[in-house]
């Protein structure tokens, strides 16, 4: 099935559609080779429990998370990366609904870093509800990359800090793919997400600096 049969071009501006197709083909070229991404894989807090502690909506399926979701002392401290409203709109245009902690984002979007030297990363949650439609992960990441590339004035536009929070199967917790690199490369994270979903439960998680994917 070709790119045009999967991503529905009429929902995008022409320039965005070209990038979506290029990114889709780019990822497919990576499928059969071993490659490295500038990321590390770490355990993450229990998203469901954390959301309830903060009094927020519990994410399911695809969701935008505050960049400081794991560390904020209270819900009042939660902050999102500045491009999050545009990402939510881009997702909506391709049929993806953000199920994140906040239905209204405006007051929680970070205009500047939370603290000097500690910018808010862009964070996305990939829940097990997406397992039945794995291409949704690729489409979500491509939309994120498209927004970042379009907004050259955005913080970290050329080298983004991105946290991909993935729900592991069999109630085995959550893992975070901490990525720091070019927006275009974000599409390649779709494969590690699928690997996590396909892997058997393990007692611990090996951390890797290069994010090698077989």
N, C-alpha and C. Protein backbone atom coordinates (compact mmCIF):
# COMPACT_ATOMS: atom_id res chain seq x y z
N UNK A 1 0.85 -1.19 0.00
CA UNK A 1 0.00 0.00 0.00
C UNK A 1 0.88 1.23 0.00
N UNK A 2 0.62 2.19 -0.87
CA UNK A 2 1.47 3.36 -0.99
C UNK A 2 1.13 4.43 0.02
N UNK A 3 1.98 5.46 0.03
CA UNK A 3 1.80 6.55 0.98
C UNK A 3 0.45 7.21 0.81
N UNK A 4 0.06 7.48 -0.42
CA UNK A 4 -1.19 8.16 -0.68
C UNK A 4 -2.41 7.39 -0.25
N UNK A 5 -2.28 6.07 -0.11
CA UNK A 5 -3.42 5.25 0.28
C UNK A 5 -3.55 5.17 1.79
N UNK A 6 -2.52 5.63 2.52
CA UNK A 6 -2.54 5.48 3.96
C UNK A 6 -2.74 6.79 4.71
N UNK A 7 -2.22 7.91 4.19
CA UNK A 7 -2.15 9.12 4.98
C UNK A 7 -3.19 10.19 4.61
N UNK A 8 -4.02 9.94 3.59
CA UNK A 8 -5.10 10.84 3.25
C UNK A 8 -4.64 12.29 3.01
N UNK A 9 -4.08 12.58 1.83
CA UNK A 9 -3.45 13.87 1.57
C UNK A 9 -4.37 15.07 1.63
N UNK A 10 -5.66 14.88 1.44
CA UNK A 10 -6.55 16.04 1.42
C UNK A 10 -6.67 16.72 2.78
N UNK A 11 -6.15 16.09 3.81
CA UNK A 11 -6.22 16.67 5.14
C UNK A 11 -5.00 17.54 5.46
N UNK A 12 -4.06 17.69 4.51
CA UNK A 12 -2.84 18.44 4.76
C UNK A 12 -2.64 19.52 3.71
N UNK A 13 -1.88 20.56 4.09
CA UNK A 13 -1.40 21.50 3.10
C UNK A 13 -0.42 20.77 2.19
N UNK A 14 -0.26 21.23 0.92
CA UNK A 14 0.62 20.52 -0.03
C UNK A 14 2.03 20.30 0.48
N UNK A 15 2.62 21.33 1.11
CA UNK A 15 3.99 21.17 1.59
C UNK A 15 4.06 20.12 2.70
N UNK A 16 3.04 20.10 3.55
CA UNK A 16 3.03 19.12 4.65
C UNK A 16 2.83 17.72 4.10
N UNK A 17 2.00 17.60 3.08
CA UNK A 17 1.77 16.29 2.48
C UNK A 17 3.06 15.73 1.88
N UNK A 18 3.84 16.59 1.21
CA UNK A 18 5.12 16.14 0.65
C UNK A 18 6.02 15.62 1.74
N UNK A 19 6.08 16.34 2.88
CA UNK A 19 6.94 15.89 3.98
C UNK A 19 6.43 14.57 4.56
N UNK A 20 5.11 14.43 4.69
CA UNK A 20 4.56 13.19 5.22
C UNK A 20 4.95 11.99 4.35
N UNK A 21 4.83 12.15 3.03
CA UNK A 21 5.18 11.06 2.13
C UNK A 21 6.67 10.76 2.20
N UNK A 22 7.50 11.83 2.21
CA UNK A 22 8.94 11.62 2.28
C UNK A 22 9.32 10.91 3.58
N UNK A 23 8.70 11.30 4.69
CA UNK A 23 9.00 10.68 5.98
C UNK A 23 8.56 9.22 6.01
N UNK A 24 7.39 8.96 5.42
CA UNK A 24 6.88 7.59 5.36
C UNK A 24 7.86 6.70 4.60
N UNK A 25 8.30 7.16 3.44
CA UNK A 25 9.25 6.37 2.65
C UNK A 25 10.59 6.25 3.36
N UNK A 26 10.99 7.32 4.04
CA UNK A 26 12.25 7.33 4.80
C UNK A 26 12.24 6.23 5.86
N UNK A 27 11.14 6.13 6.60
CA UNK A 27 11.05 5.11 7.63
C UNK A 27 11.05 3.72 7.03
N UNK A 28 10.33 3.53 5.93
CA UNK A 28 10.28 2.21 5.31
C UNK A 28 11.67 1.76 4.88
N UNK A 29 12.53 2.70 4.45
CA UNK A 29 13.88 2.36 4.06
C UNK A 29 14.70 1.88 5.25
N UNK A 30 14.33 2.32 6.46
CA UNK A 30 15.06 1.95 7.66
C UNK A 30 14.66 0.57 8.21
N UNK A 31 13.52 0.05 7.76
CA UNK A 31 12.93 -1.13 8.38
C UNK A 31 13.86 -2.34 8.39
N UNK A 32 14.62 -2.54 7.34
CA UNK A 32 15.40 -3.76 7.19
C UNK A 32 16.87 -3.60 7.53
N UNK A 33 17.23 -2.50 8.19
CA UNK A 33 18.63 -2.28 8.54
C UNK A 33 18.76 -1.97 10.01
N UNK A 34 19.98 -2.11 10.53
CA UNK A 34 20.26 -1.71 11.91
C UNK A 34 20.72 -0.26 11.88
N UNK A 35 20.12 0.57 12.71
CA UNK A 35 20.50 1.98 12.72
C UNK A 35 20.47 2.48 14.16
N UNK A 36 21.07 3.64 14.36
CA UNK A 36 21.13 4.22 15.69
C UNK A 36 20.45 5.57 15.70
N UNK A 37 19.79 5.86 16.81
CA UNK A 37 19.13 7.15 17.00
C UNK A 37 19.76 7.82 18.22
N UNK A 38 19.79 9.15 18.23
CA UNK A 38 20.34 9.86 19.39
C UNK A 38 19.35 9.86 20.54
N UNK A 39 19.22 8.71 21.20
CA UNK A 39 18.25 8.60 22.28
C UNK A 39 18.74 7.60 23.32
N UNK A 40 18.11 7.66 24.48
CA UNK A 40 18.32 6.64 25.49
C UNK A 40 16.96 6.17 25.98
N UNK A 41 16.91 4.95 26.46
CA UNK A 41 15.66 4.32 26.89
C UNK A 41 15.69 4.14 28.40
N UNK A 42 14.70 4.68 29.09
CA UNK A 42 14.68 4.62 30.55
C UNK A 42 13.28 4.26 31.03
N UNK A 43 13.20 3.74 32.25
CA UNK A 43 11.89 3.49 32.85
C UNK A 43 11.21 4.82 33.16
N UNK A 44 9.88 4.80 33.18
CA UNK A 44 9.10 6.01 33.40
C UNK A 44 8.09 5.77 34.51
N UNK A 45 7.59 6.85 35.09
CA UNK A 45 6.60 6.72 36.16
C UNK A 45 5.33 6.05 35.64
N UNK A 46 4.54 5.51 36.57
CA UNK A 46 3.25 4.93 36.20
C UNK A 46 2.33 6.08 35.78
N UNK A 47 2.05 6.17 34.49
CA UNK A 47 1.30 7.30 33.94
C UNK A 47 -0.11 7.37 34.53
N UNK A 48 -0.76 6.24 34.63
CA UNK A 48 -2.13 6.22 35.16
C UNK A 48 -2.16 6.72 36.61
N UNK A 49 -1.26 6.20 37.44
CA UNK A 49 -1.20 6.60 38.84
C UNK A 49 -0.83 8.07 38.98
N UNK A 50 0.15 8.50 38.18
CA UNK A 50 0.61 9.88 38.25
C UNK A 50 -0.49 10.87 37.87
N UNK A 51 -1.25 10.55 36.84
CA UNK A 51 -2.35 11.42 36.42
C UNK A 51 -3.38 11.56 37.52
N UNK A 52 -3.67 10.46 38.18
CA UNK A 52 -4.66 10.49 39.25
C UNK A 52 -4.13 11.29 40.45
N UNK A 53 -2.83 11.17 40.74
CA UNK A 53 -2.23 11.95 41.83
C UNK A 53 -2.35 13.44 41.57
N UNK A 54 -2.20 13.83 40.31
CA UNK A 54 -2.24 15.24 39.94
C UNK A 54 -3.66 15.74 39.68
N UNK A 55 -4.63 14.82 39.70
CA UNK A 55 -6.01 15.20 39.44
C UNK A 55 -6.29 15.51 37.98
N UNK A 56 -5.55 14.85 37.09
CA UNK A 56 -5.68 15.08 35.65
C UNK A 56 -6.39 13.91 34.97
N UNK A 57 -6.79 14.14 33.75
CA UNK A 57 -7.36 13.07 32.93
C UNK A 57 -6.30 12.01 32.65
N UNK A 58 -6.65 10.74 32.74
CA UNK A 58 -5.71 9.65 32.49
C UNK A 58 -5.55 9.45 30.98
N UNK A 59 -4.34 9.54 30.44
CA UNK A 59 -4.14 9.38 29.00
C UNK A 59 -4.44 7.96 28.53
N UNK A 60 -5.00 7.85 27.34
CA UNK A 60 -5.22 6.55 26.70
C UNK A 60 -4.90 6.72 25.22
N UNK A 61 -4.47 5.68 24.57
CA UNK A 61 -4.15 5.80 23.15
C UNK A 61 -3.02 6.78 22.92
N UNK A 62 -3.27 7.79 22.07
CA UNK A 62 -2.26 8.81 21.78
C UNK A 62 -2.55 10.04 22.64
N UNK A 63 -1.49 10.64 23.20
CA UNK A 63 -1.71 11.79 24.08
C UNK A 63 -0.49 12.68 24.13
N UNK A 64 -0.73 13.97 24.31
CA UNK A 64 0.33 14.94 24.57
C UNK A 64 0.49 15.06 26.07
N UNK A 65 1.72 14.92 26.54
CA UNK A 65 1.99 15.00 27.98
C UNK A 65 2.76 16.28 28.29
N UNK A 66 2.56 16.84 29.49
CA UNK A 66 3.44 17.93 29.91
C UNK A 66 4.88 17.43 29.95
N UNK A 67 5.82 18.29 29.59
CA UNK A 67 7.21 17.87 29.59
C UNK A 67 7.75 17.53 30.96
N UNK A 68 7.11 18.09 32.00
CA UNK A 68 7.53 17.81 33.37
C UNK A 68 6.51 16.95 34.11
N UNK A 69 5.80 16.13 33.38
CA UNK A 69 4.73 15.30 33.95
C UNK A 69 5.24 14.42 35.09
N UNK A 70 6.43 13.87 34.95
CA UNK A 70 6.97 12.94 35.96
C UNK A 70 7.49 13.64 37.20
N UNK A 71 7.81 14.94 37.11
CA UNK A 71 8.51 15.61 38.21
C UNK A 71 7.73 16.75 38.85
N UNK A 72 6.66 17.22 38.23
CA UNK A 72 5.93 18.36 38.78
C UNK A 72 5.37 18.03 40.17
N UNK A 73 5.46 18.98 41.06
CA UNK A 73 4.97 18.78 42.42
C UNK A 73 3.45 18.81 42.46
N UNK A 74 2.85 19.64 41.61
CA UNK A 74 1.40 19.76 41.56
C UNK A 74 0.95 20.00 40.13
N UNK A 75 -0.35 19.90 39.89
CA UNK A 75 -0.90 20.11 38.55
C UNK A 75 -0.65 21.53 38.07
N UNK A 76 -0.54 22.47 39.00
CA UNK A 76 -0.31 23.87 38.63
C UNK A 76 1.06 24.07 37.98
N UNK A 77 1.98 23.16 38.24
CA UNK A 77 3.33 23.29 37.70
C UNK A 77 3.49 22.64 36.33
N UNK A 78 2.50 21.89 35.87
CA UNK A 78 2.62 21.18 34.60
C UNK A 78 2.77 22.15 33.43
N UNK A 79 3.74 21.87 32.56
CA UNK A 79 3.99 22.73 31.41
C UNK A 79 4.25 21.88 30.17
N UNK A 80 3.70 22.34 29.05
CA UNK A 80 3.88 21.68 27.76
C UNK A 80 4.88 22.44 26.90
N UNK A 81 5.51 21.74 25.97
CA UNK A 81 6.34 22.38 24.96
C UNK A 81 5.47 23.35 24.15
N UNK A 82 6.07 24.43 23.66
CA UNK A 82 5.30 25.50 23.03
C UNK A 82 4.57 25.10 21.75
N UNK A 83 4.98 24.03 21.08
CA UNK A 83 4.32 23.65 19.82
C UNK A 83 3.14 22.71 20.03
N UNK A 84 2.85 22.35 21.27
CA UNK A 84 1.81 21.36 21.55
C UNK A 84 0.44 21.72 20.96
N UNK A 85 -0.04 22.97 21.05
CA UNK A 85 -1.34 23.28 20.44
C UNK A 85 -1.37 23.00 18.94
N UNK A 86 -0.25 23.28 18.25
CA UNK A 86 -0.20 23.04 16.81
C UNK A 86 -0.16 21.54 16.51
N UNK A 87 0.54 20.79 17.35
CA UNK A 87 0.58 19.33 17.17
C UNK A 87 -0.81 18.75 17.36
N UNK A 88 -1.53 19.22 18.38
CA UNK A 88 -2.89 18.72 18.61
C UNK A 88 -3.77 18.99 17.40
N UNK A 89 -3.65 20.18 16.81
CA UNK A 89 -4.45 20.52 15.63
C UNK A 89 -4.06 19.65 14.44
N UNK A 90 -2.75 19.41 14.27
CA UNK A 90 -2.28 18.56 13.17
C UNK A 90 -2.80 17.14 13.33
N UNK A 91 -2.80 16.63 14.56
CA UNK A 91 -3.34 15.29 14.81
C UNK A 91 -4.82 15.24 14.47
N UNK A 92 -5.54 16.27 14.87
CA UNK A 92 -6.99 16.27 14.63
C UNK A 92 -7.30 16.20 13.14
N UNK A 93 -6.45 16.85 12.34
CA UNK A 93 -6.67 16.85 10.89
C UNK A 93 -6.47 15.48 10.27
N UNK A 94 -5.73 14.60 10.95
CA UNK A 94 -5.53 13.24 10.41
C UNK A 94 -6.30 12.19 11.23
N UNK A 95 -7.23 12.66 12.05
CA UNK A 95 -8.09 11.73 12.77
C UNK A 95 -7.55 11.20 14.07
N UNK A 96 -6.50 11.83 14.62
CA UNK A 96 -5.94 11.40 15.90
C UNK A 96 -6.40 12.37 16.99
N UNK A 97 -6.96 11.84 18.06
CA UNK A 97 -7.51 12.67 19.13
C UNK A 97 -6.59 12.61 20.35
N UNK A 98 -6.14 13.76 20.80
CA UNK A 98 -5.29 13.86 21.98
C UNK A 98 -6.11 13.53 23.23
N UNK A 99 -5.66 12.51 23.96
CA UNK A 99 -6.36 12.12 25.19
C UNK A 99 -5.54 12.49 26.43
N UNK A 100 -4.70 13.51 26.28
CA UNK A 100 -3.79 13.90 27.36
C UNK A 100 -4.48 14.49 28.57
N UNK A 101 -3.69 14.85 29.59
CA UNK A 101 -4.22 15.31 30.87
C UNK A 101 -5.11 16.55 30.80
N UNK A 102 -4.88 17.42 29.81
CA UNK A 102 -5.63 18.67 29.74
C UNK A 102 -6.41 18.79 28.43
N UNK A 103 -7.70 19.07 28.54
CA UNK A 103 -8.49 19.34 27.35
C UNK A 103 -8.21 20.74 26.82
N UNK A 104 -7.89 21.68 27.74
CA UNK A 104 -7.51 23.04 27.36
C UNK A 104 -6.05 23.24 27.72
N UNK A 105 -5.25 23.61 26.71
CA UNK A 105 -3.80 23.65 26.90
C UNK A 105 -3.25 25.04 27.17
N UNK A 106 -3.97 26.09 26.82
CA UNK A 106 -3.38 27.42 26.75
C UNK A 106 -2.61 27.82 28.00
N UNK A 107 -3.20 27.66 29.17
CA UNK A 107 -2.55 28.16 30.38
C UNK A 107 -1.37 27.28 30.80
N UNK A 108 -1.27 26.07 30.22
CA UNK A 108 -0.19 25.16 30.60
C UNK A 108 0.94 25.10 29.58
N UNK A 109 0.84 25.85 28.49
CA UNK A 109 1.91 25.86 27.49
C UNK A 109 3.04 26.75 27.97
N UNK A 110 4.26 26.24 27.91
CA UNK A 110 5.43 26.98 28.37
C UNK A 110 5.84 28.01 27.32
N UNK A 111 5.84 29.28 27.73
CA UNK A 111 6.31 30.33 26.83
C UNK A 111 7.82 30.37 26.85
N UNK A 112 8.39 30.03 27.98
CA UNK A 112 9.84 29.99 28.14
C UNK A 112 10.18 28.77 28.98
N UNK A 113 11.47 28.37 29.05
CA UNK A 113 11.82 27.21 29.86
C UNK A 113 11.35 27.35 31.31
N UNK A 114 11.06 26.21 31.94
CA UNK A 114 10.63 26.22 33.34
C UNK A 114 11.70 26.86 34.22
N UNK A 115 12.95 26.56 33.91
CA UNK A 115 14.06 27.14 34.65
C UNK A 115 15.23 27.30 33.68
N UNK A 116 16.13 28.25 33.94
CA UNK A 116 17.26 28.45 33.04
C UNK A 116 18.03 27.16 32.80
N UNK A 117 18.27 26.83 31.51
CA UNK A 117 19.03 25.63 31.18
C UNK A 117 18.22 24.35 31.21
N UNK A 118 16.92 24.46 31.55
CA UNK A 118 16.09 23.26 31.63
C UNK A 118 14.80 23.46 30.83
N UNK A 119 14.88 23.44 29.51
CA UNK A 119 13.68 23.63 28.69
C UNK A 119 12.72 22.47 28.83
N UNK A 120 11.45 22.73 28.54
CA UNK A 120 10.43 21.71 28.61
C UNK A 120 10.50 20.84 27.36
N UNK A 121 10.71 19.53 27.49
CA UNK A 121 10.73 18.68 26.30
C UNK A 121 9.34 18.47 25.74
N UNK A 122 9.27 18.16 24.47
CA UNK A 122 8.01 17.79 23.84
C UNK A 122 7.76 16.32 24.17
N UNK A 123 6.62 16.01 24.79
CA UNK A 123 6.36 14.65 25.26
C UNK A 123 5.07 14.11 24.68
N UNK A 124 5.14 12.87 24.18
CA UNK A 124 3.97 12.20 23.61
C UNK A 124 3.82 10.82 24.24
N UNK A 125 2.59 10.46 24.57
CA UNK A 125 2.28 9.16 25.16
C UNK A 125 1.71 8.23 24.10
N UNK A 126 2.25 7.00 24.06
CA UNK A 126 1.75 5.98 23.15
C UNK A 126 1.19 4.83 23.98
N UNK A 127 -0.14 4.80 24.10
CA UNK A 127 -0.78 3.78 24.92
C UNK A 127 -1.08 2.52 24.15
N UNK A 128 -1.39 1.46 24.87
CA UNK A 128 -1.67 0.16 24.25
C UNK A 128 -2.92 0.19 23.37
N UNK A 129 -3.72 1.23 23.52
CA UNK A 129 -4.89 1.37 22.66
C UNK A 129 -4.53 1.54 21.20
N UNK A 130 -3.26 1.87 20.92
CA UNK A 130 -2.80 2.05 19.54
C UNK A 130 -2.27 0.78 18.91
N UNK A 131 -2.13 -0.28 19.70
CA UNK A 131 -1.53 -1.51 19.18
C UNK A 131 -2.28 -2.04 17.97
N UNK A 132 -3.59 -1.92 17.98
CA UNK A 132 -4.40 -2.43 16.86
C UNK A 132 -4.23 -1.60 15.60
N UNK A 133 -3.74 -0.35 15.73
CA UNK A 133 -3.51 0.51 14.57
C UNK A 133 -2.09 1.08 14.65
N UNK A 134 -1.07 0.23 14.48
CA UNK A 134 0.32 0.66 14.66
C UNK A 134 0.76 1.78 13.74
N UNK A 135 0.14 1.93 12.57
CA UNK A 135 0.51 3.03 11.69
C UNK A 135 0.18 4.39 12.30
N UNK A 136 -0.69 4.41 13.30
CA UNK A 136 -1.02 5.67 13.96
C UNK A 136 0.20 6.28 14.62
N UNK A 137 1.12 5.44 15.07
CA UNK A 137 2.35 5.94 15.69
C UNK A 137 3.18 6.70 14.66
N UNK A 138 3.36 6.11 13.50
CA UNK A 138 4.10 6.76 12.42
C UNK A 138 3.43 8.07 12.02
N UNK A 139 2.11 8.05 11.86
CA UNK A 139 1.39 9.25 11.45
C UNK A 139 1.52 10.35 12.51
N UNK A 140 1.43 9.98 13.79
CA UNK A 140 1.54 10.95 14.87
C UNK A 140 2.92 11.59 14.89
N UNK A 141 3.96 10.76 14.76
CA UNK A 141 5.33 11.28 14.79
C UNK A 141 5.63 12.14 13.57
N UNK A 142 5.10 11.76 12.43
CA UNK A 142 5.32 12.55 11.22
C UNK A 142 4.66 13.92 11.35
N UNK A 143 3.46 13.96 11.93
CA UNK A 143 2.78 15.24 12.14
C UNK A 143 3.59 16.12 13.09
N UNK A 144 4.15 15.53 14.15
CA UNK A 144 5.00 16.27 15.08
C UNK A 144 6.20 16.86 14.35
N UNK A 145 6.88 16.03 13.56
CA UNK A 145 8.05 16.49 12.82
C UNK A 145 7.68 17.61 11.86
N UNK A 146 6.54 17.49 11.21
CA UNK A 146 6.09 18.50 10.25
C UNK A 146 5.88 19.84 10.94
N UNK A 147 5.24 19.83 12.11
CA UNK A 147 5.00 21.06 12.86
C UNK A 147 6.33 21.69 13.27
N UNK A 148 7.26 20.90 13.76
CA UNK A 148 8.55 21.42 14.21
C UNK A 148 9.34 22.03 13.06
N UNK A 149 9.33 21.37 11.92
CA UNK A 149 10.06 21.88 10.76
C UNK A 149 9.43 23.18 10.26
N UNK A 150 8.10 23.26 10.31
CA UNK A 150 7.40 24.46 9.85
C UNK A 150 7.65 25.64 10.76
N UNK A 151 7.82 25.38 12.06
CA UNK A 151 8.02 26.46 13.02
C UNK A 151 9.50 26.64 13.32
N UNK A 152 10.18 27.27 12.42
CA UNK A 152 11.62 27.45 12.58
C UNK A 152 11.97 28.32 13.78
N UNK A 153 10.99 29.10 14.28
CA UNK A 153 11.24 29.96 15.44
C UNK A 153 11.00 29.25 16.76
N UNK A 154 10.51 28.01 16.70
CA UNK A 154 10.22 27.29 17.93
C UNK A 154 11.50 26.92 18.66
N UNK A 155 11.40 26.84 19.98
CA UNK A 155 12.55 26.41 20.78
C UNK A 155 12.96 25.01 20.36
N UNK A 156 14.25 24.80 20.18
CA UNK A 156 14.79 23.48 19.78
C UNK A 156 14.25 23.02 18.43
N UNK A 157 13.92 23.98 17.53
CA UNK A 157 13.35 23.59 16.24
C UNK A 157 14.32 22.76 15.42
N UNK A 158 15.60 23.07 15.51
CA UNK A 158 16.58 22.33 14.72
C UNK A 158 17.06 21.07 15.42
N UNK A 159 17.05 21.09 16.74
CA UNK A 159 17.44 19.91 17.51
C UNK A 159 16.50 19.79 18.69
N UNK A 160 15.53 18.90 18.55
CA UNK A 160 14.45 18.82 19.51
C UNK A 160 14.74 17.84 20.64
N UNK A 161 14.25 18.16 21.82
CA UNK A 161 14.23 17.20 22.92
C UNK A 161 12.83 16.61 22.96
N UNK A 162 12.74 15.31 22.77
CA UNK A 162 11.45 14.64 22.64
C UNK A 162 11.41 13.42 23.54
N UNK A 163 10.35 13.30 24.33
CA UNK A 163 10.14 12.13 25.19
C UNK A 163 8.96 11.33 24.63
N UNK A 164 9.24 10.12 24.18
CA UNK A 164 8.19 9.22 23.73
C UNK A 164 7.88 8.23 24.84
N UNK A 165 6.77 8.43 25.54
CA UNK A 165 6.41 7.58 26.67
C UNK A 165 5.53 6.44 26.16
N UNK A 166 5.99 5.22 26.37
CA UNK A 166 5.32 4.05 25.81
C UNK A 166 4.80 3.15 26.92
N UNK A 167 3.53 2.78 26.81
CA UNK A 167 2.94 1.83 27.76
C UNK A 167 3.34 0.42 27.36
N UNK A 168 3.96 -0.31 28.28
CA UNK A 168 4.38 -1.68 27.99
C UNK A 168 3.23 -2.65 28.22
N UNK A 169 3.24 -3.78 27.48
CA UNK A 169 2.15 -4.75 27.63
C UNK A 169 2.18 -5.47 28.97
N UNK A 170 1.09 -6.17 29.25
CA UNK A 170 0.97 -7.05 30.43
C UNK A 170 1.18 -6.31 31.74
N UNK A 171 0.68 -5.08 31.82
CA UNK A 171 0.80 -4.29 33.05
C UNK A 171 2.24 -4.21 33.54
N UNK A 172 3.18 -4.09 32.59
CA UNK A 172 4.60 -4.09 32.92
C UNK A 172 5.19 -2.68 32.96
N UNK A 173 4.35 -1.70 33.21
CA UNK A 173 4.86 -0.36 33.41
C UNK A 173 5.00 0.45 32.13
N UNK A 174 5.85 1.48 32.22
CA UNK A 174 6.01 2.42 31.13
C UNK A 174 7.50 2.67 30.89
N UNK A 175 7.82 3.00 29.65
CA UNK A 175 9.20 3.27 29.28
C UNK A 175 9.23 4.59 28.51
N UNK A 176 10.34 5.32 28.62
CA UNK A 176 10.47 6.59 27.93
C UNK A 176 11.64 6.54 26.95
N UNK A 177 11.38 6.88 25.70
CA UNK A 177 12.42 7.02 24.68
C UNK A 177 12.82 8.49 24.67
N UNK A 178 13.95 8.80 25.30
CA UNK A 178 14.42 10.19 25.39
C UNK A 178 15.28 10.51 24.18
N UNK A 179 14.71 11.29 23.29
CA UNK A 179 15.36 11.59 22.01
C UNK A 179 15.86 13.04 22.00
N UNK A 180 17.06 13.25 21.44
CA UNK A 180 17.61 14.60 21.31
C UNK A 180 18.30 14.67 19.96
N UNK A 181 17.59 15.21 18.96
CA UNK A 181 18.14 15.23 17.62
C UNK A 181 17.27 16.00 16.65
N UNK A 182 17.41 15.69 15.36
CA UNK A 182 16.70 16.39 14.31
C UNK A 182 15.22 15.99 14.27
N UNK A 183 14.32 16.95 14.04
CA UNK A 183 12.89 16.63 13.97
C UNK A 183 12.56 15.56 12.93
N UNK A 184 13.20 15.60 11.77
CA UNK A 184 12.90 14.64 10.71
C UNK A 184 13.12 13.21 11.16
N UNK A 185 14.10 12.99 12.02
CA UNK A 185 14.41 11.64 12.48
C UNK A 185 13.37 11.08 13.44
N UNK A 186 12.47 11.92 13.92
CA UNK A 186 11.45 11.45 14.86
C UNK A 186 10.63 10.29 14.30
N UNK A 187 10.42 10.28 12.98
CA UNK A 187 9.59 9.23 12.40
C UNK A 187 10.18 7.85 12.66
N UNK A 188 11.50 7.77 12.79
CA UNK A 188 12.15 6.48 13.00
C UNK A 188 11.86 5.90 14.38
N UNK A 189 11.33 6.71 15.31
CA UNK A 189 10.98 6.19 16.64
C UNK A 189 9.78 5.26 16.60
N UNK A 190 9.05 5.25 15.49
CA UNK A 190 7.90 4.36 15.39
C UNK A 190 8.31 2.90 15.57
N UNK A 191 9.48 2.55 15.06
CA UNK A 191 9.91 1.16 15.16
C UNK A 191 10.24 0.75 16.59
N UNK A 192 11.02 1.54 17.36
CA UNK A 192 11.23 1.17 18.77
C UNK A 192 9.94 1.04 19.56
N UNK A 193 8.96 1.89 19.25
CA UNK A 193 7.67 1.79 19.94
C UNK A 193 7.03 0.42 19.67
N UNK A 194 7.03 0.00 18.41
CA UNK A 194 6.45 -1.29 18.06
C UNK A 194 7.24 -2.44 18.68
N UNK A 195 8.56 -2.29 18.77
CA UNK A 195 9.39 -3.33 19.39
C UNK A 195 9.02 -3.49 20.86
N UNK A 196 8.81 -2.38 21.55
CA UNK A 196 8.42 -2.43 22.96
C UNK A 196 7.10 -3.16 23.12
N UNK A 197 6.14 -2.87 22.26
CA UNK A 197 4.84 -3.53 22.35
C UNK A 197 4.93 -5.01 22.04
N UNK A 198 5.86 -5.40 21.16
CA UNK A 198 5.97 -6.80 20.75
C UNK A 198 6.83 -7.62 21.70
N UNK A 199 7.61 -6.96 22.54
CA UNK A 199 8.55 -7.68 23.40
C UNK A 199 7.84 -8.31 24.59
N UNK A 200 8.43 -9.40 25.07
CA UNK A 200 7.89 -10.07 26.25
C UNK A 200 8.23 -9.26 27.49
N UNK A 201 7.41 -9.33 28.54
CA UNK A 201 7.71 -8.61 29.78
C UNK A 201 9.06 -9.01 30.33
N UNK A 202 9.79 -8.04 30.88
CA UNK A 202 11.10 -8.32 31.46
C UNK A 202 11.17 -7.69 32.84
N UNK A 203 12.10 -8.17 33.65
CA UNK A 203 12.21 -7.69 35.01
C UNK A 203 12.90 -6.34 35.09
N UNK A 204 13.67 -5.99 34.08
CA UNK A 204 14.38 -4.72 34.09
C UNK A 204 14.54 -4.20 32.70
N UNK A 205 15.05 -2.98 32.59
CA UNK A 205 15.18 -2.33 31.29
C UNK A 205 16.62 -1.92 31.08
N UNK A 206 17.21 -2.35 29.99
CA UNK A 206 18.57 -1.98 29.65
C UNK A 206 18.57 -0.59 29.04
N UNK A 207 19.43 0.29 29.54
CA UNK A 207 19.51 1.64 29.00
C UNK A 207 20.60 1.69 27.94
N UNK A 208 20.27 2.36 26.83
CA UNK A 208 21.25 2.50 25.75
C UNK A 208 21.36 3.94 25.34
N UNK A 209 22.58 4.43 25.17
CA UNK A 209 22.80 5.82 24.82
C UNK A 209 22.52 6.09 23.36
N UNK A 210 22.76 5.11 22.48
CA UNK A 210 22.63 5.34 21.05
C UNK A 210 21.28 4.96 20.50
N UNK A 211 20.51 4.21 21.26
CA UNK A 211 19.18 3.83 20.79
C UNK A 211 19.22 2.92 19.60
N UNK A 212 20.14 1.94 19.60
CA UNK A 212 20.26 1.03 18.46
C UNK A 212 19.00 0.20 18.30
N UNK A 213 18.55 0.08 17.06
CA UNK A 213 17.34 -0.69 16.76
C UNK A 213 17.69 -1.75 15.76
N UNK A 214 17.32 -2.98 16.06
CA UNK A 214 17.60 -4.08 15.15
C UNK A 214 16.45 -4.26 14.20
